[in-house]
PDB file of N, CA and C in Angstrom:
ATOM      1  N   MET A   1     106.318  -3.233 -71.320  1.00  0.00           N
ATOM      2  CA  MET A   1     105.659  -2.664 -72.335  1.00  0.00           C
ATOM      3  C   MET A   1     103.607  -2.714 -71.523  1.00  0.00           C
ATOM      4  N   GLN A   2     103.469  -1.471 -72.186  1.00  0.00           N
ATOM      5  CA  GLN A   2     101.978  -1.122 -71.635  1.00  0.00           C
ATOM      6  C   GLN A   2     101.291  -2.018 -72.183  1.00  0.00           C
ATOM      7  N   PRO A   3      99.811  -2.589 -71.029  1.00  0.00           N
ATOM      8  CA  PRO A   3      98.994  -3.249 -71.632  1.00  0.00           C
ATOM      9  C   PRO A   3      98.108  -2.249 -72.587  1.00  0.00           C
ATOM     10  N   THR A   4      97.604  -3.015 -73.581  1.00  0.00           N
ATOM     11  CA  THR A   4      96.609  -2.253 -74.159  1.00  0.00           C
ATOM     12  C   THR A   4      95.082  -2.529 -73.425  1.00  0.00           C
ATOM     13  N   VAL A   5      94.199  -1.370 -73.481  1.00  0.00           N
ATOM     14  CA  VAL A   5      92.799  -1.574 -73.123  1.00  0.00           C
ATOM     15  C   VAL A   5      92.055  -1.153 -74.141  1.00  0.00           C
ATOM     16  N   GLU A   6      90.956  -1.769 -74.505  1.00  0.00           N
ATOM     17  CA  GLU A   6      90.252  -1.660 -75.554  1.00  0.00           C
ATOM     18  C   GLU A   6      89.238  -0.673 -74.585  1.00  0.00           C
ATOM     19  N   VAL A   7      88.583   0.844 -75.465  1.00  0.00           N
ATOM     20  CA  VAL A   7      87.715   1.700 -74.865  1.00  0.00           C
ATOM     21  C   VAL A   7      86.902   1.554 -75.986  1.00  0.00           C
ATOM     22  N   GLU A   8      85.610   1.425 -75.631  1.00  0.00           N
ATOM     23  CA  GLU A   8      84.919   1.611 -76.605  1.00  0.00           C
ATOM     24  C   GLU A   8      84.528   3.478 -76.819  1.00  0.00           C
ATOM     25  N   ARG A   9      84.689   3.405 -78.325  1.00  0.00           N
ATOM     26  CA  ARG A   9      84.135   4.964 -78.775  1.00  0.00           C
ATOM     27  C   ARG A   9      83.121   4.938 -79.371  1.00  0.00           C
ATOM     28  N   ASN A  10      82.497   6.354 -79.132  1.00  0.00           N
ATOM     29  CA  ASN A  10      81.869   6.934 -80.012  1.00  0.00           C
ATOM     30  C   ASN A  10      81.920   7.638 -81.148  1.00  0.00           C
ATOM     31  N   ASP A  11      81.781   7.275 -82.597  1.00  0.00           N
ATOM     32  CA  ASP A  11      82.355   8.161 -83.655  1.00  0.00           C
ATOM     33  C   ASP A  11      80.969   8.856 -83.946  1.00  0.00           C
ATOM     34  N   ASP A  12      80.168   8.980 -83.330  1.00  0.00           N
ATOM     35  CA  ASP A  12      79.210   9.946 -84.158  1.00  0.00           C
ATOM     36  C   ASP A  12      79.591  11.405 -84.378  1.00  0.00           C
ATOM     37  N   ASP A  13      80.323  11.903 -83.356  1.00  0.00           N
ATOM     38  CA  ASP A  13      80.345  13.105 -83.087  1.00  0.00           C
ATOM     39  C   ASP A  13      81.805  13.405 -84.068  1.00  0.00           C
ATOM     40  N   GLU A  14      82.214  12.778 -84.589  1.00  0.00           N
ATOM     41  CA  GLU A  14      83.372  12.849 -85.737  1.00  0.00           C
ATOM     42  C   GLU A  14      84.677  13.264 -84.677  1.00  0.00           C
ATOM     43  N   GLY A  15      84.778  12.793 -83.982  1.00  0.00           N
ATOM     44  CA  GLY A  15      86.185  13.362 -83.196  1.00  0.00           C
ATOM     45  C   GLY A  15      86.000  14.518 -82.290  1.00  0.00           C
ATOM     46  N   PHE A  16      84.623  15.460 -82.332  1.00  0.00           N
ATOM     47  CA  PHE A  16      84.575  16.246 -81.414  1.00  0.00           C
ATOM     48  C   PHE A  16      84.196  16.068 -80.032  1.00  0.00           C
ATOM     49  N   ASP A  17      84.728  16.274 -79.253  1.00  0.00           N
ATOM     50  CA  ASP A  17      84.631  16.258 -77.209  1.00  0.00           C
ATOM     51  C   ASP A  17      83.490  17.052 -77.340  1.00  0.00           C
ATOM     52  N   LEU A  18      82.195  16.667 -77.043  1.00  0.00           N
ATOM     53  CA  LEU A  18      81.325  17.263 -76.338  1.00  0.00           C
ATOM     54  C   LEU A  18      81.488  17.665 -75.091  1.00  0.00           C
ATOM     55  N   GLY A  19      82.166  17.050 -74.132  1.00  0.00           N
ATOM     56  CA  GLY A  19      82.704  17.700 -72.986  1.00  0.00           C
ATOM     57  C   GLY A  19      83.252  18.819 -73.254  1.00  0.00           C
ATOM     58  N   TRP A  20      84.166  19.282 -73.813  1.00  0.00           N
ATOM     59  CA  TRP A  20      84.526  19.921 -74.151  1.00  0.00           C
ATOM     60  C   TRP A  20      83.967  21.766 -74.533  1.00  0.00           C
ATOM     61  N   LEU A  21      82.829  21.269 -75.331  1.00  0.00           N
ATOM     62  CA  LEU A  21      81.761  22.133 -75.566  1.00  0.00           C
ATOM     63  C   LEU A  21      81.264  22.625 -74.487  1.00  0.00           C
ATOM     64  N   GLY A  22      81.051  21.679 -73.624  1.00  0.00           N
ATOM     65  CA  GLY A  22      79.820  22.042 -72.437  1.00  0.00           C
ATOM     66  C   GLY A  22      80.935  22.785 -71.523  1.00  0.00           C
ATOM     67  N   LEU A  23      81.750  22.643 -71.157  1.00  0.00           N
ATOM     68  CA  LEU A  23      83.153  23.465 -70.351  1.00  0.00           C
ATOM     69  C   LEU A  23      83.241  24.938 -71.001  1.00  0.00           C
ATOM     70  N   LEU A  24      83.709  24.932 -72.525  1.00  0.00           N
ATOM     71  CA  LEU A  24      83.302  26.080 -73.108  1.00  0.00           C
ATOM     72  C   LEU A  24      82.141  27.126 -72.691  1.00  0.00           C
ATOM     73  N   GLY A  25      80.966  26.127 -72.866  1.00  0.00           N
ATOM     74  CA  GLY A  25      79.463  26.915 -72.859  1.00  0.00           C
ATOM     75  C   GLY A  25      79.299  27.339 -71.207  1.00  0.00           C
ATOM     76  N   LEU A  26      80.151  26.755 -70.345  1.00  0.00           N
ATOM     77  CA  LEU A  26      79.962  26.724 -69.041  1.00  0.00           C
ATOM     78  C   LEU A  26      80.646  28.282 -68.789  1.00  0.00           C
ATOM     79  N   ALA A  27      82.017  28.219 -69.278  1.00  0.00           N
ATOM     80  CA  ALA A  27      83.145  29.579 -69.132  1.00  0.00           C
ATOM     81  C   ALA A  27      82.280  30.839 -69.774  1.00  0.00           C
ATOM     82  N   GLY A  28      81.796  30.311 -70.827  1.00  0.00           N
ATOM     83  CA  GLY A  28      80.911  31.457 -71.635  1.00  0.00           C
ATOM     84  C   GLY A  28      79.836  32.194 -71.019  1.00  0.00           C
ATOM     85  N   LEU A  29      79.438  31.492 -70.423  1.00  0.00           N
ATOM     86  CA  LEU A  29      77.893  31.908 -69.558  1.00  0.00           C
ATOM     87  C   LEU A  29      78.123  32.514 -67.993  1.00  0.00           C
ATOM     88  N   ALA A  30      79.367  32.172 -67.465  1.00  0.00           N
ATOM     89  CA  ALA A  30      79.800  32.679 -66.158  1.00  0.00           C
ATOM     90  C   ALA A  30      80.536  33.988 -66.856  1.00  0.00           C
ATOM     91  N   GLY A  31      81.437  34.023 -67.727  1.00  0.00           N
ATOM     92  CA  GLY A  31      81.943  35.273 -68.670  1.00  0.00           C
ATOM     93  C   GLY A  31      80.456  36.449 -68.908  1.00  0.00           C
ATOM     94  N   LEU A  32      79.526  36.034 -69.049  1.00  0.00           N
ATOM     95  CA  LEU A  32      78.474  36.879 -69.319  1.00  0.00           C
ATOM     96  C   LEU A  32      77.917  37.149 -68.206  1.00  0.00           C
ATOM     97  N   LYS A  33      77.763  36.709 -66.954  1.00  0.00           N
ATOM     98  CA  LYS A  33      77.445  37.295 -66.051  1.00  0.00           C
ATOM     99  C   LYS A  33      77.806  38.015 -65.260  1.00  0.00           C
ATOM    100  N   LYS A  34      79.363  37.937 -65.576  1.00  0.00           N
ATOM    101  CA  LYS A  34      80.288  39.118 -64.786  1.00  0.00           C
ATOM    102  C   LYS A  34      79.723  40.659 -65.115  1.00  0.00           C
ATOM    103  N   PRO A  35      79.605  41.235 -64.268  1.00  0.00           N
ATOM    104  CA  PRO A  35      79.542  42.751 -64.879  1.00  0.00           C
ATOM    105  C   PRO A  35      80.509  43.444 -65.486  1.00  0.00           C
ATOM    106  N   LYS A  36      80.338  44.017 -66.588  1.00  0.00           N
ATOM    107  CA  LYS A  36      81.226  44.418 -67.446  1.00  0.00           C
ATOM    108  C   LYS A  36      82.322  45.960 -66.580  1.00  0.00           C
ATOM    109  N   ARG A  37      83.337  45.654 -66.680  1.00  0.00           N
ATOM    110  CA  ARG A  37      84.332  46.427 -66.155  1.00  0.00           C
ATOM    111  C   ARG A  37      84.386  47.603 -67.080  1.00  0.00           C
ATOM    112  N   GLU A  38      84.314  48.736 -66.491  1.00  0.00           N
ATOM    113  CA  GLU A  38      84.548  49.957 -67.463  1.00  0.00           C
ATOM    114  C   GLU A  38      85.868  50.043 -67.776  1.00  0.00           C
ATOM    115  N   THR A  39      85.999  50.228 -68.907  1.00  0.00           N
ATOM    116  CA  THR A  39      88.067  50.504 -69.196  1.00  0.00           C
ATOM    117  C   THR A  39      87.997  52.006 -69.211  1.00  0.00           C
ATOM    118  N   HIS A  40      89.537  51.892 -68.693  1.00  0.00           N
ATOM    119  CA  HIS A  40      90.140  53.068 -68.071  1.00  0.00           C
ATOM    120  C   HIS A  40      90.719  53.870 -69.398  1.00  0.00           C
ATOM    121  N   VAL A  41      90.267  54.973 -69.558  1.00  0.00           N
ATOM    122  CA  VAL A  41      90.982  55.640 -71.024  1.00  0.00           C
ATOM    123  C   VAL A  41      91.859  56.452 -70.435  1.00  0.00           C
ATOM    124  N   VAL A  42      93.288  56.498 -70.602  1.00  0.00           N
ATOM    125  CA  VAL A  42      94.395  57.512 -70.461  1.00  0.00           C
ATOM    126  C   VAL A  42      94.266  58.750 -71.910  1.00  0.00           C
ATOM    127  N   ASP A  43      93.929  60.145 -70.903  1.00  0.00           N
ATOM    128  CA  ASP A  43      94.018  60.794 -71.835  1.00  0.00           C
ATOM    129  C   ASP A  43      95.507  61.594 -71.736  1.00  0.00           C
ATOM    130  N   ARG A  44      96.003  61.257 -72.787  1.00  0.00           N
ATOM    131  CA  ARG A  44      97.792  61.390 -72.646  1.00  0.00           C
ATOM    132  C   ARG A  44      97.777  63.629 -72.955  1.00  0.00           C
ATOM    133  N   THR A  45      96.572  64.205 -73.365  1.00  0.00           N
ATOM    134  CA  THR A  45      96.876  65.465 -73.582  1.00  0.00           C
ATOM    135  C   THR A  45      96.737  65.933 -72.198  1.00  0.00           C
ATOM    136  N   ASP A  46      96.375  65.675 -71.195  1.00  0.00           N
ATOM    137  CA  ASP A  46      96.042  66.187 -69.902  1.00  0.00           C
ATOM    138  C   ASP A  46      97.144  65.768 -68.783  1.00  0.00           C
ATOM    139  N   ARG A  47      97.888  64.806 -69.294  1.00  0.00           N
ATOM    140  CA  ARG A  47      99.116  64.039 -68.393  1.00  0.00           C
ATOM    141  C   ARG A  47     100.505  65.226 -68.323  1.00  0.00           C
ATOM    142  N   PRO A  48     100.589  66.154 -67.195  1.00  0.00           N
ATOM    143  CA  PRO A  48     101.989  66.485 -67.262  1.00  0.00           C
ATOM    144  C   PRO A  48     102.712  65.857 -67.288  1.00  0.00           C
ATOM    145  N   HIS A  49     104.008  66.273 -67.890  1.00  0.00           N
ATOM    146  CA  HIS A  49     105.264  65.500 -68.932  1.00  0.00           C
ATOM    147  C   HIS A  49     106.593  65.485 -68.012  1.00  0.00           C
ATOM    148  N   VAL A  50     106.682  64.341 -67.605  1.00  0.00           N
ATOM    149  CA  VAL A  50     107.885  64.077 -65.839  1.00  0.00           C
ATOM    150  C   VAL A  50     108.840  63.685 -66.194  1.00  0.00           C
TER     151      VAL A  50
END
């Protein structure tokens, strides 16, 4: 049987973990700082049929 450990919880955030919000924010900022890659468009009308 596992011993139960009492952990103080702060329920002011109604169950939303602010740590996840921070991680998502950092990931979003990292994504914004990357230069946008140009999308390669394939034009099928100019391609020879193999």
